[in-house]
């Protein structure tokens, strides 16, 4: 299973495989055709409450990851996670995000759970 995380603003690469946008909102200033997004499972993203809590600096990344994993156990998110896992079982998957530090984001949590 090959899952990697990249910024959506980086140009697509041949080895990206299925490109999955894992942000709730479309990235600012990016044309949809330029992004080459294959899937956009919005229900897989952190809740607005969790996202706001984390970006307000109220907790650690580890606590964010723990709370996000709990959200991913909910039925809708779990089903979407299974769908991305099936894609990864079939070939390379690239999780795309607009965040500036993908290694400290929900995308890194997803990559770990899928890997």
C-alpha atoms as a PDB file:
ATOM      1  CA  UNK A   1       0.000   0.000   0.000  1.00  0.00           C
ATOM      2  CA  UNK A   2       1.458   3.324  -1.063  1.00  0.00           C
ATOM      3  CA  UNK A   3       0.032   6.482   0.516  1.00  0.00           C
ATOM      4  CA  UNK A   4       1.761   9.813   0.573  1.00  0.00           C
ATOM      5  CA  UNK A   5       0.863  13.378   1.485  1.00  0.00           C
ATOM      6  CA  UNK A   6       1.531  16.374  -0.739  1.00  0.00           C
ATOM      7  CA  UNK A   7       0.431  19.975  -0.889  1.00  0.00           C
ATOM      8  CA  UNK A   8      -2.332  20.469  -3.428  1.00  0.00           C
ATOM      9  CA  UNK A   9      -0.475  23.516  -4.761  1.00  0.00           C
ATOM     10  CA  UNK A  10       2.458  21.347  -5.900  1.00  0.00           C
ATOM     11  CA  UNK A  11       2.229  20.240  -9.529  1.00  0.00           C
ATOM     12  CA  UNK A  12       0.891  16.720 -10.119  1.00  0.00           C
ATOM     13  CA  UNK A  13       3.505  14.006 -10.616  1.00  0.00           C
ATOM     14  CA  UNK A  14       3.218  10.779 -12.620  1.00  0.00           C
ATOM     15  CA  UNK A  15       3.591   8.636  -9.465  1.00  0.00           C
ATOM     16  CA  UNK A  16       0.729  10.315  -7.597  1.00  0.00           C
ATOM     17  CA  UNK A  17      -1.782   7.644  -8.506  1.00  0.00           C
ATOM     18  CA  UNK A  18      -5.268   8.545  -7.263  1.00  0.00           C
ATOM     19  CA  UNK A  19      -5.236  12.135  -6.006  1.00  0.00           C
ATOM     20  CA  UNK A  20      -7.539  12.625  -3.009  1.00  0.00           C
ATOM     21  CA  UNK A  21      -8.222  16.105  -1.643  1.00  0.00           C
ATOM     22  CA  UNK A  22      -8.625  15.766   2.124  1.00  0.00           C
ATOM     23  CA  UNK A  23      -9.578  19.387   2.929  1.00  0.00           C
ATOM     24  CA  UNK A  24     -13.166  20.471   3.574  1.00  0.00           C
ATOM     25  CA  UNK A  25     -12.831  23.679   1.528  1.00  0.00           C
ATOM     26  CA  UNK A  26     -11.467  24.052  -1.976  1.00  0.00           C
ATOM     27  CA  UNK A  27      -7.938  25.556  -1.876  1.00  0.00           C
ATOM     28  CA  UNK A  28      -7.788  29.291  -2.507  1.00  0.00           C
ATOM     29  CA  UNK A  29      -6.593  30.428  -5.889  1.00  0.00           C
ATOM     30  CA  UNK A  30      -6.356  26.954  -7.395  1.00  0.00           C
ATOM     31  CA  UNK A  31      -8.262  26.089 -10.559  1.00  0.00           C
ATOM     32  CA  UNK A  32     -10.032  22.746 -10.360  1.00  0.00           C
ATOM     33  CA  UNK A  33      -8.553  21.494 -13.631  1.00  0.00           C
ATOM     34  CA  UNK A  34      -4.998  22.376 -12.489  1.00  0.00           C
ATOM     35  CA  UNK A  35      -5.388  20.426  -9.247  1.00  0.00           C
ATOM     36  CA  UNK A  36      -6.278  17.149 -10.982  1.00  0.00           C
ATOM     37  CA  UNK A  37      -8.231  15.883  -7.986  1.00  0.00           C
ATOM     38  CA  UNK A  38      -9.780  12.444  -8.472  1.00  0.00           C
ATOM     39  CA  UNK A  39     -11.725  12.200  -5.199  1.00  0.00           C
ATOM     40  CA  UNK A  40     -12.875  14.765  -2.627  1.00  0.00           C
ATOM     41  CA  UNK A  41     -14.408  13.001   0.391  1.00  0.00           C
ATOM     42  CA  UNK A  42     -15.374  16.042   2.490  1.00  0.00           C
ATOM     43  CA  UNK A  43     -16.779  13.819   5.231  1.00  0.00           C
ATOM     44  CA  UNK A  44     -13.270  12.531   5.908  1.00  0.00           C
ATOM     45  CA  UNK A  45     -12.036  15.919   7.102  1.00  0.00           C
ATOM     46  CA  UNK A  46     -11.916  17.067  10.732  1.00  0.00           C
ATOM     47  CA  UNK A  47     -15.053  18.692  12.101  1.00  0.00           C
ATOM     48  CA  UNK A  48     -15.198  22.473  12.111  1.00  0.00           C
ATOM     49  CA  UNK A  49     -15.062  22.420  15.908  1.00  0.00           C
ATOM     50  CA  UNK A  50     -11.918  20.280  15.995  1.00  0.00           C
ATOM     51  CA  UNK A  51     -10.249  22.285  13.251  1.00  0.00           C
ATOM     52  CA  UNK A  52     -10.941  25.580  15.045  1.00  0.00           C
ATOM     53  CA  UNK A  53      -9.758  24.154  18.370  1.00  0.00           C
ATOM     54  CA  UNK A  54      -6.460  22.999  16.859  1.00  0.00           C
ATOM     55  CA  UNK A  55      -5.796  26.198  14.896  1.00  0.00           C
ATOM     56  CA  UNK A  56      -6.507  28.315  17.981  1.00  0.00           C
ATOM     57  CA  UNK A  57      -3.459  26.676  19.580  1.00  0.00           C
ATOM     58  CA  UNK A  58      -5.467  25.235  22.454  1.00  0.00           C
ATOM     59  CA  UNK A  59      -3.958  21.769  22.282  1.00  0.00           C
ATOM     60  CA  UNK A  60      -1.080  19.666  21.048  1.00  0.00           C
ATOM     61  CA  UNK A  61      -0.834  17.859  17.749  1.00  0.00           C
ATOM     62  CA  UNK A  62      -1.000  14.552  19.623  1.00  0.00           C
ATOM     63  CA  UNK A  63      -4.316  15.552  21.228  1.00  0.00           C
ATOM     64  CA  UNK A  64      -5.622  16.754  17.855  1.00  0.00           C
ATOM     65  CA  UNK A  65      -4.680  13.411  16.276  1.00  0.00           C
ATOM     66  CA  UNK A  66      -6.413  11.492  19.083  1.00  0.00           C
ATOM     67  CA  UNK A  67      -9.620  13.524  18.719  1.00  0.00           C
ATOM     68  CA  UNK A  68      -9.513  13.272  14.926  1.00  0.00           C
ATOM     69  CA  UNK A  69      -9.108   9.496  15.070  1.00  0.00           C
ATOM     70  CA  UNK A  70     -12.221   9.376  17.282  1.00  0.00           C
ATOM     71  CA  UNK A  71     -14.110  11.361  14.624  1.00  0.00           C
ATOM     72  CA  UNK A  72     -12.869   8.960  11.956  1.00  0.00           C
ATOM     73  CA  UNK A  73     -14.495   6.080  13.859  1.00  0.00           C
ATOM     74  CA  UNK A  74     -17.947   7.588  13.218  1.00  0.00           C
ATOM     75  CA  UNK A  75     -19.904   5.687  10.515  1.00  0.00           C
ATOM     76  CA  UNK A  76     -19.727   8.212   7.645  1.00  0.00           C
ATOM     77  CA  UNK A  77     -16.021   8.948   8.100  1.00  0.00           C
ATOM     78  CA  UNK A  78     -15.201   5.261   8.650  1.00  0.00           C
ATOM     79  CA  UNK A  79     -16.889   4.380   5.361  1.00  0.00           C
ATOM     80  CA  UNK A  80     -14.955   7.063   3.503  1.00  0.00           C
ATOM     81  CA  UNK A  81     -11.712   5.928   5.135  1.00  0.00           C
ATOM     82  CA  UNK A  82     -12.452   2.383   3.966  1.00  0.00           C
ATOM     83  CA  UNK A  83     -13.000   3.718   0.432  1.00  0.00           C
ATOM     84  CA  UNK A  84      -9.594   5.436   0.414  1.00  0.00           C
ATOM     85  CA  UNK A  85      -8.032   2.301   1.905  1.00  0.00           C
ATOM     86  CA  UNK A  86      -9.472   0.288  -1.024  1.00  0.00           C
ATOM     87  CA  UNK A  87      -7.955   2.786  -3.449  1.00  0.00           C
ATOM     88  CA  UNK A  88      -4.589   2.453  -1.697  1.00  0.00           C
ATOM     89  CA  UNK A  89      -4.792  -1.338  -1.848  1.00  0.00           C
ATOM     90  CA  UNK A  90      -5.212  -1.042  -5.635  1.00  0.00           C
ATOM     91  CA  UNK A  91      -2.343   1.395  -6.242  1.00  0.00           C
ATOM     92  CA  UNK A  92      -0.646   4.611  -5.176  1.00  0.00           C
ATOM     93  CA  UNK A  93      -2.742   7.270  -3.440  1.00  0.00           C
ATOM     94  CA  UNK A  94      -1.725  10.857  -2.796  1.00  0.00           C
ATOM     95  CA  UNK A  95      -3.545  12.747  -0.064  1.00  0.00           C
ATOM     96  CA  UNK A  96      -3.690  16.408  -1.023  1.00  0.00           C
ATOM     97  CA  UNK A  97      -3.970  19.285   1.409  1.00  0.00           C
ATOM     98  CA  UNK A  98      -3.500  23.051   1.342  1.00  0.00           C
ATOM     99  CA  UNK A  99      -1.997  23.238   4.835  1.00  0.00           C
ATOM    100  CA  UNK A 100       1.508  24.678   5.062  1.00  0.00           C
ATOM    101  CA  UNK A 101       2.824  21.916   7.334  1.00  0.00           C
ATOM    102  CA  UNK A 102       1.264  18.656   6.116  1.00  0.00           C
ATOM    103  CA  UNK A 103       3.348  16.628   8.585  1.00  0.00           C
ATOM    104  CA  UNK A 104       1.416  18.240  11.472  1.00  0.00           C
ATOM    105  CA  UNK A 105      -2.032  18.035   9.959  1.00  0.00           C
ATOM    106  CA  UNK A 106      -5.022  15.771   9.574  1.00  0.00           C
ATOM    107  CA  UNK A 107      -3.499  14.504   6.307  1.00  0.00           C
ATOM    108  CA  UNK A 108      -0.582  12.981   8.248  1.00  0.00           C
ATOM    109  CA  UNK A 109      -3.058  11.258  10.591  1.00  0.00           C
ATOM    110  CA  UNK A 110      -4.915   9.836   7.586  1.00  0.00           C
ATOM    111  CA  UNK A 111      -1.675   8.662   5.938  1.00  0.00           C
ATOM    112  CA  UNK A 112      -0.647   6.886   9.148  1.00  0.00           C
ATOM    113  CA  UNK A 113      -4.019   5.174   9.464  1.00  0.00           C
ATOM    114  CA  UNK A 114      -3.954   4.108   5.822  1.00  0.00           C
ATOM    115  CA  UNK A 115      -0.333   2.948   5.870  1.00  0.00           C
END
